[in-house]
């Protein structure tokens, strides 16, 4: 559970930081497809 939650958190924050270009990252446009992917993984952990 710990590793699953950490992976989901990593994906969510990577998506967030990519979308805002945090710490000099190249901005990657945010899409709903990316958000749905993270939510599906999170739902899988809960299930």
ModelCIF file with pLDDT and N, C-alpha, C, O atoms, coordinates in Angstrom:
data_MODEL
#
_entry.id   MODEL 
#
_entity.id                         1 
_entity.type                       polymer 
_entity.pdbx_number_of_molecules   1 
#
_entity_poly.entity_id                      1 
_entity_poly.type                           'polypeptide(L)' 
_entity_poly.nstd_linkage                   no 
_entity_poly.nstd_monomer                   no 
_entity_poly.pdbx_seq_one_letter_code       
;(UNK)(UNK)(UNK)(UNK)(UNK)(UNK)(UNK)(UNK)(UNK)(UNK)(UNK)(UNK)(UNK)(UNK)(UNK)(UNK)
(UNK)(UNK)(UNK)(UNK)(UNK)(UNK)(UNK)(UNK)(UNK)(UNK)(UNK)(UNK)(UNK)(UNK)(UNK)(UNK)
(UNK)(UNK)(UNK)(UNK)(UNK)(UNK)(UNK)(UNK)(UNK)(UNK)(UNK)(UNK)(UNK)(UNK)(UNK)
;
_entity_poly.pdbx_seq_one_letter_code_can   XXXXXXXXXXXXXXXXXXXXXXXXXXXXXXXXXXXXXXXXXXXXXXX 
_entity_poly.pdbx_strand_id                 A 
#
loop_
_entity_poly_seq.entity_id 
_entity_poly_seq.num 
_entity_poly_seq.mon_id 
_entity_poly_seq.hetero 
1 1  UNK n 
1 2  UNK n 
1 3  UNK n 
1 4  UNK n 
1 5  UNK n 
1 6  UNK n 
1 7  UNK n 
1 8  UNK n 
1 9  UNK n 
1 10 UNK n 
1 11 UNK n 
1 12 UNK n 
1 13 UNK n 
1 14 UNK n 
1 15 UNK n 
1 16 UNK n 
1 17 UNK n 
1 18 UNK n 
1 19 UNK n 
1 20 UNK n 
1 21 UNK n 
1 22 UNK n 
1 23 UNK n 
1 24 UNK n 
1 25 UNK n 
1 26 UNK n 
1 27 UNK n 
1 28 UNK n 
1 29 UNK n 
1 30 UNK n 
1 31 UNK n 
1 32 UNK n 
1 33 UNK n 
1 34 UNK n 
1 35 UNK n 
1 36 UNK n 
1 37 UNK n 
1 38 UNK n 
1 39 UNK n 
1 40 UNK n 
1 41 UNK n 
1 42 UNK n 
1 43 UNK n 
1 44 UNK n 
1 45 UNK n 
1 46 UNK n 
1 47 UNK n 
#
_struct_asym.id          A 
_struct_asym.entity_id   1 
#
loop_
_ma_qa_metric.id 
_ma_qa_metric.mode 
_ma_qa_metric.name 
_ma_qa_metric.software_group_id 
_ma_qa_metric.type 
1 global pLDDT . pLDDT 
2 local  pLDDT . pLDDT 
#
_ma_qa_metric_global.metric_id      1 
_ma_qa_metric_global.metric_value   85.77 
_ma_qa_metric_global.model_id       1 
_ma_qa_metric_global.ordinal_id     1 
#
loop_
_ma_qa_metric_local.label_asym_id 
_ma_qa_metric_local.label_comp_id 
_ma_qa_metric_local.label_seq_id 
_ma_qa_metric_local.metric_id 
_ma_qa_metric_local.metric_value 
_ma_qa_metric_local.model_id 
_ma_qa_metric_local.ordinal_id 
A UNK 1  2 81.00 1 1  
A UNK 2  2 86.00 1 2  
A UNK 3  2 84.00 1 3  
A UNK 4  2 82.00 1 4  
A UNK 5  2 85.00 1 5  
A UNK 6  2 87.00 1 6  
A UNK 7  2 84.00 1 7  
A UNK 8  2 83.00 1 8  
A UNK 9  2 88.00 1 9  
A UNK 10 2 87.00 1 10 
A UNK 11 2 84.00 1 11 
A UNK 12 2 85.00 1 12 
A UNK 13 2 89.00 1 13 
A UNK 14 2 86.00 1 14 
A UNK 15 2 86.00 1 15 
A UNK 16 2 88.00 1 16 
A UNK 17 2 89.00 1 17 
A UNK 18 2 88.00 1 18 
A UNK 19 2 89.00 1 19 
A UNK 20 2 90.00 1 20 
A UNK 21 2 88.00 1 21 
A UNK 22 2 86.00 1 22 
A UNK 23 2 80.00 1 23 
A UNK 24 2 82.00 1 24 
A UNK 25 2 84.00 1 25 
A UNK 26 2 90.00 1 26 
A UNK 27 2 91.00 1 27 
A UNK 28 2 87.00 1 28 
A UNK 29 2 88.00 1 29 
A UNK 30 2 85.00 1 30 
A UNK 31 2 88.00 1 31 
A UNK 32 2 89.00 1 32 
A UNK 33 2 90.00 1 33 
A UNK 34 2 86.00 1 34 
A UNK 35 2 84.00 1 35 
A UNK 36 2 89.00 1 36 
A UNK 37 2 86.00 1 37 
A UNK 38 2 83.00 1 38 
A UNK 39 2 86.00 1 39 
A UNK 40 2 89.00 1 40 
A UNK 41 2 85.00 1 41 
A UNK 42 2 82.00 1 42 
A UNK 43 2 87.00 1 43 
A UNK 44 2 84.00 1 44 
A UNK 45 2 80.00 1 45 
A UNK 46 2 79.00 1 46 
A UNK 47 2 82.00 1 47 
#
loop_
_atom_site.group_PDB 
_atom_site.id 
_atom_site.type_symbol 
_atom_site.label_atom_id 
_atom_site.label_alt_id 
_atom_site.label_comp_id 
_atom_site.label_asym_id 
_atom_site.label_entity_id 
_atom_site.label_seq_id 
_atom_site.pdbx_PDB_ins_code 
_atom_site.Cartn_x 
_atom_site.Cartn_y 
_atom_site.Cartn_z 
_atom_site.occupancy 
_atom_site.B_iso_or_equiv 
_atom_site.pdbx_formal_charge 
_atom_site.auth_seq_id 
_atom_site.auth_comp_id 
_atom_site.auth_asym_id 
_atom_site.auth_atom_id 
_atom_site.pdbx_PDB_model_num 
ATOM 1   N N  . UNK A 1 1  ? 0.829  -1.204 0.000   1.00 81.00 ? 1  UNK A N  1 
ATOM 2   C CA . UNK A 1 1  ? 0.000  0.000  0.000   1.00 81.00 ? 1  UNK A CA 1 
ATOM 3   C C  . UNK A 1 1  ? 0.864  1.254  0.000   1.00 81.00 ? 1  UNK A C  1 
ATOM 4   O O  . UNK A 1 1  ? 0.563  2.225  -0.694  1.00 81.00 ? 1  UNK A O  1 
ATOM 5   N N  . UNK A 1 2  ? 1.927  1.228  0.774   1.00 86.00 ? 2  UNK A N  1 
ATOM 6   C CA . UNK A 1 2  ? 2.790  2.402  0.829   1.00 86.00 ? 2  UNK A CA 1 
ATOM 7   C C  . UNK A 1 2  ? 3.378  2.704  -0.539  1.00 86.00 ? 2  UNK A C  1 
ATOM 8   O O  . UNK A 1 2  ? 3.314  3.842  -1.005  1.00 86.00 ? 2  UNK A O  1 
ATOM 9   N N  . UNK A 1 3  ? 3.944  1.704  -1.178  1.00 84.00 ? 3  UNK A N  1 
ATOM 10  C CA . UNK A 1 3  ? 4.567  1.922  -2.484  1.00 84.00 ? 3  UNK A CA 1 
ATOM 11  C C  . UNK A 1 3  ? 3.515  2.312  -3.523  1.00 84.00 ? 3  UNK A C  1 
ATOM 12  O O  . UNK A 1 3  ? 3.781  3.152  -4.383  1.00 84.00 ? 3  UNK A O  1 
ATOM 13  N N  . UNK A 1 4  ? 2.332  1.717  -3.454  1.00 82.00 ? 4  UNK A N  1 
ATOM 14  C CA . UNK A 1 4  ? 1.254  2.079  -4.392  1.00 82.00 ? 4  UNK A CA 1 
ATOM 15  C C  . UNK A 1 4  ? 0.857  3.539  -4.241  1.00 82.00 ? 4  UNK A C  1 
ATOM 16  O O  . UNK A 1 4  ? 0.696  4.254  -5.230  1.00 82.00 ? 4  UNK A O  1 
ATOM 17  N N  . UNK A 1 5  ? 0.702  3.973  -3.005  1.00 85.00 ? 5  UNK A N  1 
ATOM 18  C CA . UNK A 1 5  ? 0.320  5.361  -2.761  1.00 85.00 ? 5  UNK A CA 1 
ATOM 19  C C  . UNK A 1 5  ? 1.440  6.311  -3.174  1.00 85.00 ? 5  UNK A C  1 
ATOM 20  O O  . UNK A 1 5  ? 1.184  7.376  -3.736  1.00 85.00 ? 5  UNK A O  1 
ATOM 21  N N  . UNK A 1 6  ? 2.671  5.925  -2.895  1.00 87.00 ? 6  UNK A N  1 
ATOM 22  C CA . UNK A 1 6  ? 3.813  6.749  -3.300  1.00 87.00 ? 6  UNK A CA 1 
ATOM 23  C C  . UNK A 1 6  ? 3.851  6.881  -4.821  1.00 87.00 ? 6  UNK A C  1 
ATOM 24  O O  . UNK A 1 6  ? 4.092  7.970  -5.341  1.00 87.00 ? 6  UNK A O  1 
ATOM 25  N N  . UNK A 1 7  ? 3.618  5.789  -5.534  1.00 84.00 ? 7  UNK A N  1 
ATOM 26  C CA . UNK A 1 7  ? 3.628  5.853  -6.998  1.00 84.00 ? 7  UNK A CA 1 
ATOM 27  C C  . UNK A 1 7  ? 2.526  6.772  -7.516  1.00 84.00 ? 7  UNK A C  1 
ATOM 28  O O  . UNK A 1 7  ? 2.755  7.569  -8.426  1.00 84.00 ? 7  UNK A O  1 
ATOM 29  N N  . UNK A 1 8  ? 1.345  6.664  -6.945  1.00 83.00 ? 8  UNK A N  1 
ATOM 30  C CA . UNK A 1 8  ? 0.237  7.525  -7.365  1.00 83.00 ? 8  UNK A CA 1 
ATOM 31  C C  . UNK A 1 8  ? 0.568  8.988  -7.073  1.00 83.00 ? 8  UNK A C  1 
ATOM 32  O O  . UNK A 1 8  ? 0.307  9.868  -7.894  1.00 83.00 ? 8  UNK A O  1 
ATOM 33  N N  . UNK A 1 9  ? 1.136  9.235  -5.913  1.00 88.00 ? 9  UNK A N  1 
ATOM 34  C CA . UNK A 1 9  ? 1.525  10.596 -5.546  1.00 88.00 ? 9  UNK A CA 1 
ATOM 35  C C  . UNK A 1 9  ? 2.595  11.126 -6.491  1.00 88.00 ? 9  UNK A C  1 
ATOM 36  O O  . UNK A 1 9  ? 2.546  12.284 -6.904  1.00 88.00 ? 9  UNK A O  1 
ATOM 37  N N  . UNK A 1 10 ? 3.566  10.275 -6.836  1.00 87.00 ? 10 UNK A N  1 
ATOM 38  C CA . UNK A 1 10 ? 4.606  10.690 -7.775  1.00 87.00 ? 10 UNK A CA 1 
ATOM 39  C C  . UNK A 1 10 ? 4.000  11.082 -9.117  1.00 87.00 ? 10 UNK A C  1 
ATOM 40  O O  . UNK A 1 10 ? 4.371  12.103 -9.697  1.00 87.00 ? 10 UNK A O  1 
ATOM 41  N N  . UNK A 1 11 ? 3.077  10.280 -9.601  1.00 84.00 ? 11 UNK A N  1 
ATOM 42  C CA . UNK A 1 11 ? 2.439  10.586 -10.880 1.00 84.00 ? 11 UNK A CA 1 
ATOM 43  C C  . UNK A 1 11 ? 1.670  11.902 -10.819 1.00 84.00 ? 11 UNK A C  1 
ATOM 44  O O  . UNK A 1 11 ? 1.766  12.731 -11.724 1.00 84.00 ? 11 UNK A O  1 
ATOM 45  N N  . UNK A 1 12 ? 0.910  12.084 -9.745  1.00 85.00 ? 12 UNK A N  1 
ATOM 46  C CA . UNK A 1 12 ? 0.114  13.303 -9.610  1.00 85.00 ? 12 UNK A CA 1 
ATOM 47  C C  . UNK A 1 12 ? 1.021  14.533 -9.573  1.00 85.00 ? 12 UNK A C  1 
ATOM 48  O O  . UNK A 1 12 ? 0.788  15.501 -10.297 1.00 85.00 ? 12 UNK A O  1 
ATOM 49  N N  . UNK A 1 13 ? 2.050  14.494 -8.732  1.00 89.00 ? 13 UNK A N  1 
ATOM 50  C CA . UNK A 1 13 ? 2.906  15.669 -8.616  1.00 89.00 ? 13 UNK A CA 1 
ATOM 51  C C  . UNK A 1 13 ? 3.777  15.872 -9.851  1.00 89.00 ? 13 UNK A C  1 
ATOM 52  O O  . UNK A 1 13 ? 4.074  17.012 -10.208 1.00 89.00 ? 13 UNK A O  1 
ATOM 53  N N  . UNK A 1 14 ? 4.191  14.796 -10.508 1.00 86.00 ? 14 UNK A N  1 
ATOM 54  C CA . UNK A 1 14 ? 4.921  14.948 -11.767 1.00 86.00 ? 14 UNK A CA 1 
ATOM 55  C C  . UNK A 1 14 ? 4.042  15.626 -12.811 1.00 86.00 ? 14 UNK A C  1 
ATOM 56  O O  . UNK A 1 14 ? 4.502  16.490 -13.557 1.00 86.00 ? 14 UNK A O  1 
ATOM 57  N N  . UNK A 1 15 ? 2.779  15.227 -12.855 1.00 86.00 ? 15 UNK A N  1 
ATOM 58  C CA . UNK A 1 15 ? 1.818  15.854 -13.762 1.00 86.00 ? 15 UNK A CA 1 
ATOM 59  C C  . UNK A 1 15 ? 1.661  17.334 -13.434 1.00 86.00 ? 15 UNK A C  1 
ATOM 60  O O  . UNK A 1 15 ? 1.671  18.183 -14.326 1.00 86.00 ? 15 UNK A O  1 
ATOM 61  N N  . UNK A 1 16 ? 1.517  17.632 -12.157 1.00 88.00 ? 16 UNK A N  1 
ATOM 62  C CA . UNK A 1 16 ? 1.364  19.019 -11.719 1.00 88.00 ? 16 UNK A CA 1 
ATOM 63  C C  . UNK A 1 16 ? 2.603  19.844 -12.061 1.00 88.00 ? 16 UNK A C  1 
ATOM 64  O O  . UNK A 1 16 ? 2.490  20.928 -12.633 1.00 88.00 ? 16 UNK A O  1 
ATOM 65  N N  . UNK A 1 17 ? 3.782  19.332 -11.714 1.00 89.00 ? 17 UNK A N  1 
ATOM 66  C CA . UNK A 1 17 ? 5.018  20.087 -11.935 1.00 89.00 ? 17 UNK A CA 1 
ATOM 67  C C  . UNK A 1 17 ? 5.334  20.236 -13.419 1.00 89.00 ? 17 UNK A C  1 
ATOM 68  O O  . UNK A 1 17 ? 5.815  21.283 -13.852 1.00 89.00 ? 17 UNK A O  1 
ATOM 69  N N  . UNK A 1 18 ? 5.061  19.184 -14.203 1.00 88.00 ? 18 UNK A N  1 
ATOM 70  C CA . UNK A 1 18 ? 5.242  19.306 -15.652 1.00 88.00 ? 18 UNK A CA 1 
ATOM 71  C C  . UNK A 1 18 ? 4.310  20.374 -16.224 1.00 88.00 ? 18 UNK A C  1 
ATOM 72  O O  . UNK A 1 18 ? 4.708  21.172 -17.072 1.00 88.00 ? 18 UNK A O  1 
ATOM 73  N N  . UNK A 1 19 ? 3.074  20.376 -15.752 1.00 89.00 ? 19 UNK A N  1 
ATOM 74  C CA . UNK A 1 19 ? 2.079  21.304 -16.287 1.00 89.00 ? 19 UNK A CA 1 
ATOM 75  C C  . UNK A 1 19 ? 2.420  22.761 -15.996 1.00 89.00 ? 19 UNK A C  1 
ATOM 76  O O  . UNK A 1 19 ? 2.088  23.645 -16.786 1.00 89.00 ? 19 UNK A O  1 
ATOM 77  N N  . UNK A 1 20 ? 3.079  23.015 -14.870 1.00 90.00 ? 20 UNK A N  1 
ATOM 78  C CA . UNK A 1 20 ? 3.439  24.385 -14.503 1.00 90.00 ? 20 UNK A CA 1 
ATOM 79  C C  . UNK A 1 20 ? 4.897  24.734 -14.816 1.00 90.00 ? 20 UNK A C  1 
ATOM 80  O O  . UNK A 1 20 ? 5.315  25.875 -14.620 1.00 90.00 ? 20 UNK A O  1 
ATOM 81  N N  . UNK A 1 21 ? 5.669  23.760 -15.300 1.00 88.00 ? 21 UNK A N  1 
ATOM 82  C CA . UNK A 1 21 ? 7.077  24.020 -15.576 1.00 88.00 ? 21 UNK A CA 1 
ATOM 83  C C  . UNK A 1 21 ? 7.871  24.282 -14.301 1.00 88.00 ? 21 UNK A C  1 
ATOM 84  O O  . UNK A 1 21 ? 8.815  25.071 -14.309 1.00 88.00 ? 21 UNK A O  1 
ATOM 85  N N  . UNK A 1 22 ? 7.498  23.631 -13.218 1.00 86.00 ? 22 UNK A N  1 
ATOM 86  C CA . UNK A 1 22 ? 8.109  23.822 -11.902 1.00 86.00 ? 22 UNK A CA 1 
ATOM 87  C C  . UNK A 1 22 ? 9.606  23.519 -11.946 1.00 86.00 ? 22 UNK A C  1 
ATOM 88  O O  . UNK A 1 22 ? 10.030 22.550 -12.576 1.00 86.00 ? 22 UNK A O  1 
ATOM 89  N N  . UNK A 1 23 ? 10.396 24.346 -11.278 1.00 80.00 ? 23 UNK A N  1 
ATOM 90  C CA . UNK A 1 23 ? 11.847 24.193 -11.164 1.00 80.00 ? 23 UNK A CA 1 
ATOM 91  C C  . UNK A 1 23 ? 12.550 24.107 -12.521 1.00 80.00 ? 23 UNK A C  1 
ATOM 92  O O  . UNK A 1 23 ? 13.535 23.385 -12.675 1.00 80.00 ? 23 UNK A O  1 
ATOM 93  N N  . UNK A 1 24 ? 12.043 24.833 -13.475 1.00 82.00 ? 24 UNK A N  1 
ATOM 94  C CA . UNK A 1 24 ? 12.700 24.902 -14.775 1.00 82.00 ? 24 UNK A CA 1 
ATOM 95  C C  . UNK A 1 24 ? 12.363 23.776 -15.729 1.00 82.00 ? 24 UNK A C  1 
ATOM 96  O O  . UNK A 1 24 ? 12.994 23.661 -16.779 1.00 82.00 ? 24 UNK A O  1 
ATOM 97  N N  . UNK A 1 25 ? 11.379 22.933 -15.398 1.00 84.00 ? 25 UNK A N  1 
ATOM 98  C CA . UNK A 1 25 ? 10.981 21.875 -16.322 1.00 84.00 ? 25 UNK A CA 1 
ATOM 99  C C  . UNK A 1 25 ? 10.316 22.478 -17.551 1.00 84.00 ? 25 UNK A C  1 
ATOM 100 O O  . UNK A 1 25 ? 9.719  23.552 -17.487 1.00 84.00 ? 25 UNK A O  1 
ATOM 101 N N  . UNK A 1 26 ? 10.428 21.778 -18.655 1.00 90.00 ? 26 UNK A N  1 
ATOM 102 C CA . UNK A 1 26 ? 9.711  22.193 -19.854 1.00 90.00 ? 26 UNK A CA 1 
ATOM 103 C C  . UNK A 1 26 ? 8.224  21.992 -19.608 1.00 90.00 ? 26 UNK A C  1 
ATOM 104 O O  . UNK A 1 26 ? 7.813  20.932 -19.134 1.00 90.00 ? 26 UNK A O  1 
ATOM 105 N N  . UNK A 1 27 ? 7.416  22.989 -19.922 1.00 91.00 ? 27 UNK A N  1 
ATOM 106 C CA . UNK A 1 27 ? 5.978  22.911 -19.683 1.00 91.00 ? 27 UNK A CA 1 
ATOM 107 C C  . UNK A 1 27 ? 5.363  21.874 -20.624 1.00 91.00 ? 27 UNK A C  1 
ATOM 108 O O  . UNK A 1 27 ? 5.532  21.927 -21.842 1.00 91.00 ? 27 UNK A O  1 
ATOM 109 N N  . UNK A 1 28 ? 4.645  20.934 -20.015 1.00 87.00 ? 28 UNK A N  1 
ATOM 110 C CA . UNK A 1 28 ? 3.900  19.927 -20.768 1.00 87.00 ? 28 UNK A CA 1 
ATOM 111 C C  . UNK A 1 28 ? 2.431  20.243 -20.546 1.00 87.00 ? 28 UNK A C  1 
ATOM 112 O O  . UNK A 1 28 ? 1.970  20.235 -19.405 1.00 87.00 ? 28 UNK A O  1 
ATOM 113 N N  . UNK A 1 29 ? 1.688  20.519 -21.603 1.00 88.00 ? 29 UNK A N  1 
ATOM 114 C CA . UNK A 1 29 ? 0.286  20.905 -21.436 1.00 88.00 ? 29 UNK A CA 1 
ATOM 115 C C  . UNK A 1 29 ? -0.518 19.853 -20.683 1.00 88.00 ? 29 UNK A C  1 
ATOM 116 O O  . UNK A 1 29 ? -0.413 18.657 -20.956 1.00 88.00 ? 29 UNK A O  1 
ATOM 117 N N  . UNK A 1 30 ? -1.315 20.315 -19.739 1.00 85.00 ? 30 UNK A N  1 
ATOM 118 C CA . UNK A 1 30 ? -2.178 19.452 -18.933 1.00 85.00 ? 30 UNK A CA 1 
ATOM 119 C C  . UNK A 1 30 ? -3.352 18.990 -19.774 1.00 85.00 ? 30 UNK A C  1 
ATOM 120 O O  . UNK A 1 30 ? -3.969 19.782 -20.486 1.00 85.00 ? 30 UNK A O  1 
ATOM 121 N N  . UNK A 1 31 ? -3.658 17.693 -19.689 1.00 88.00 ? 31 UNK A N  1 
ATOM 122 C CA . UNK A 1 31 ? -4.827 17.168 -20.388 1.00 88.00 ? 31 UNK A CA 1 
ATOM 123 C C  . UNK A 1 31 ? -5.688 16.377 -19.404 1.00 88.00 ? 31 UNK A C  1 
ATOM 124 O O  . UNK A 1 31 ? -5.196 15.883 -18.390 1.00 88.00 ? 31 UNK A O  1 
ATOM 125 N N  . UNK A 1 32 ? -6.950 16.266 -19.710 1.00 89.00 ? 32 UNK A N  1 
ATOM 126 C CA . UNK A 1 32 ? -7.855 15.478 -18.877 1.00 89.00 ? 32 UNK A CA 1 
ATOM 127 C C  . UNK A 1 32 ? -7.474 14.002 -18.919 1.00 89.00 ? 32 UNK A C  1 
ATOM 128 O O  . UNK A 1 32 ? -7.677 13.280 -17.943 1.00 89.00 ? 32 UNK A O  1 
ATOM 129 N N  . UNK A 1 33 ? -6.928 13.556 -20.036 1.00 90.00 ? 33 UNK A N  1 
ATOM 130 C CA . UNK A 1 33 ? -6.498 12.167 -20.159 1.00 90.00 ? 33 UNK A CA 1 
ATOM 131 C C  . UNK A 1 33 ? -5.449 11.837 -19.095 1.00 90.00 ? 33 UNK A C  1 
ATOM 132 O O  . UNK A 1 33 ? -5.485 10.758 -18.503 1.00 90.00 ? 33 UNK A O  1 
ATOM 133 N N  . UNK A 1 34 ? -4.526 12.750 -18.852 1.00 86.00 ? 34 UNK A N  1 
ATOM 134 C CA . UNK A 1 34 ? -3.508 12.536 -17.826 1.00 86.00 ? 34 UNK A CA 1 
ATOM 135 C C  . UNK A 1 34 ? -4.143 12.474 -16.439 1.00 86.00 ? 34 UNK A C  1 
ATOM 136 O O  . UNK A 1 34 ? -3.807 11.601 -15.638 1.00 86.00 ? 34 UNK A O  1 
ATOM 137 N N  . UNK A 1 35 ? -5.050 13.389 -16.160 1.00 84.00 ? 35 UNK A N  1 
ATOM 138 C CA . UNK A 1 35 ? -5.724 13.402 -14.865 1.00 84.00 ? 35 UNK A CA 1 
ATOM 139 C C  . UNK A 1 35 ? -6.527 12.127 -14.651 1.00 84.00 ? 35 UNK A C  1 
ATOM 140 O O  . UNK A 1 35 ? -6.495 11.544 -13.567 1.00 84.00 ? 35 UNK A O  1 
ATOM 141 N N  . UNK A 1 36 ? -7.247 11.694 -15.679 1.00 89.00 ? 36 UNK A N  1 
ATOM 142 C CA . UNK A 1 36 ? -8.034 10.464 -15.575 1.00 89.00 ? 36 UNK A CA 1 
ATOM 143 C C  . UNK A 1 36 ? -7.100 9.279  -15.301 1.00 89.00 ? 36 UNK A C  1 
ATOM 144 O O  . UNK A 1 36 ? -7.437 8.402  -14.506 1.00 89.00 ? 36 UNK A O  1 
ATOM 145 N N  . UNK A 1 37 ? -5.946 9.245  -15.943 1.00 86.00 ? 37 UNK A N  1 
ATOM 146 C CA . UNK A 1 37 ? -4.988 8.164  -15.705 1.00 86.00 ? 37 UNK A CA 1 
ATOM 147 C C  . UNK A 1 37 ? -4.548 8.100  -14.256 1.00 86.00 ? 37 UNK A C  1 
ATOM 148 O O  . UNK A 1 37 ? -4.491 7.018  -13.672 1.00 86.00 ? 37 UNK A O  1 
ATOM 149 N N  . UNK A 1 38 ? -4.239 9.242  -13.672 1.00 83.00 ? 38 UNK A N  1 
ATOM 150 C CA . UNK A 1 38 ? -3.833 9.280  -12.265 1.00 83.00 ? 38 UNK A CA 1 
ATOM 151 C C  . UNK A 1 38 ? -5.003 8.866  -11.363 1.00 83.00 ? 38 UNK A C  1 
ATOM 152 O O  . UNK A 1 38 ? -4.808 8.133  -10.393 1.00 83.00 ? 38 UNK A O  1 
ATOM 153 N N  . UNK A 1 39 ? -6.208 9.332  -11.679 1.00 86.00 ? 39 UNK A N  1 
ATOM 154 C CA . UNK A 1 39 ? -7.380 8.972  -10.875 1.00 86.00 ? 39 UNK A CA 1 
ATOM 155 C C  . UNK A 1 39 ? -7.701 7.478  -10.973 1.00 86.00 ? 39 UNK A C  1 
ATOM 156 O O  . UNK A 1 39 ? -8.125 6.870  -9.990  1.00 86.00 ? 39 UNK A O  1 
ATOM 157 N N  . UNK A 1 40 ? -7.501 6.888  -12.152 1.00 89.00 ? 40 UNK A N  1 
ATOM 158 C CA . UNK A 1 40 ? -7.736 5.446  -12.313 1.00 89.00 ? 40 UNK A CA 1 
ATOM 159 C C  . UNK A 1 40 ? -6.737 4.658  -11.457 1.00 89.00 ? 40 UNK A C  1 
ATOM 160 O O  . UNK A 1 40 ? -7.105 3.680  -10.807 1.00 89.00 ? 40 UNK A O  1 
ATOM 161 N N  . UNK A 1 41 ? -5.491 5.086  -11.463 1.00 85.00 ? 41 UNK A N  1 
ATOM 162 C CA . UNK A 1 41 ? -4.485 4.405  -10.635 1.00 85.00 ? 41 UNK A CA 1 
ATOM 163 C C  . UNK A 1 41 ? -4.843 4.553  -9.159  1.00 85.00 ? 41 UNK A C  1 
ATOM 164 O O  . UNK A 1 41 ? -4.774 3.583  -8.404  1.00 85.00 ? 41 UNK A O  1 
ATOM 165 N N  . UNK A 1 42 ? -5.222 5.747  -8.749  1.00 82.00 ? 42 UNK A N  1 
ATOM 166 C CA . UNK A 1 42 ? -5.633 5.966  -7.359  1.00 82.00 ? 42 UNK A CA 1 
ATOM 167 C C  . UNK A 1 42 ? -6.835 5.120  -6.987  1.00 82.00 ? 42 UNK A C  1 
ATOM 168 O O  . UNK A 1 42 ? -6.888 4.567  -5.888  1.00 82.00 ? 42 UNK A O  1 
ATOM 169 N N  . UNK A 1 43 ? -7.798 5.011  -7.885  1.00 87.00 ? 43 UNK A N  1 
ATOM 170 C CA . UNK A 1 43 ? -8.974 4.169  -7.638  1.00 87.00 ? 43 UNK A CA 1 
ATOM 171 C C  . UNK A 1 43 ? -8.567 2.709  -7.511  1.00 87.00 ? 43 UNK A C  1 
ATOM 172 O O  . UNK A 1 43 ? -9.115 1.976  -6.688  1.00 87.00 ? 43 UNK A O  1 
ATOM 173 N N  . UNK A 1 44 ? -7.620 2.292  -8.313  1.00 84.00 ? 44 UNK A N  1 
ATOM 174 C CA . UNK A 1 44 ? -7.119 0.924  -8.230  1.00 84.00 ? 44 UNK A CA 1 
ATOM 175 C C  . UNK A 1 44 ? -6.491 0.632  -6.878  1.00 84.00 ? 44 UNK A C  1 
ATOM 176 O O  . UNK A 1 44 ? -6.665 -0.457 -6.332  1.00 84.00 ? 44 UNK A O  1 
ATOM 177 N N  . UNK A 1 45 ? -5.769 1.591  -6.341  1.00 80.00 ? 45 UNK A N  1 
ATOM 178 C CA . UNK A 1 45 ? -5.172 1.419  -5.009  1.00 80.00 ? 45 UNK A CA 1 
ATOM 179 C C  . UNK A 1 45 ? -6.264 1.273  -3.959  1.00 80.00 ? 45 UNK A C  1 
ATOM 180 O O  . UNK A 1 45 ? -6.187 0.404  -3.091  1.00 80.00 ? 45 UNK A O  1 
ATOM 181 N N  . UNK A 1 46 ? -7.282 2.125  -4.040  1.00 79.00 ? 46 UNK A N  1 
ATOM 182 C CA . UNK A 1 46 ? -8.392 2.036  -3.081  1.00 79.00 ? 46 UNK A CA 1 
ATOM 183 C C  . UNK A 1 46 ? -9.120 0.696  -3.199  1.00 79.00 ? 46 UNK A C  1 
ATOM 184 O O  . UNK A 1 46 ? -9.473 0.087  -2.189  1.00 79.00 ? 46 UNK A O  1 
ATOM 185 N N  . UNK A 1 47 ? -9.339 0.245  -4.415  1.00 82.00 ? 47 UNK A N  1 
ATOM 186 C CA . UNK A 1 47 ? -9.996 -1.041 -4.637  1.00 82.00 ? 47 UNK A CA 1 
ATOM 187 C C  . UNK A 1 47 ? -9.134 -2.169 -4.074  1.00 82.00 ? 47 UNK A C  1 
ATOM 188 O O  . UNK A 1 47 ? -9.513 -3.337 -4.161  1.00 82.00 ? 47 UNK A O  1 
#
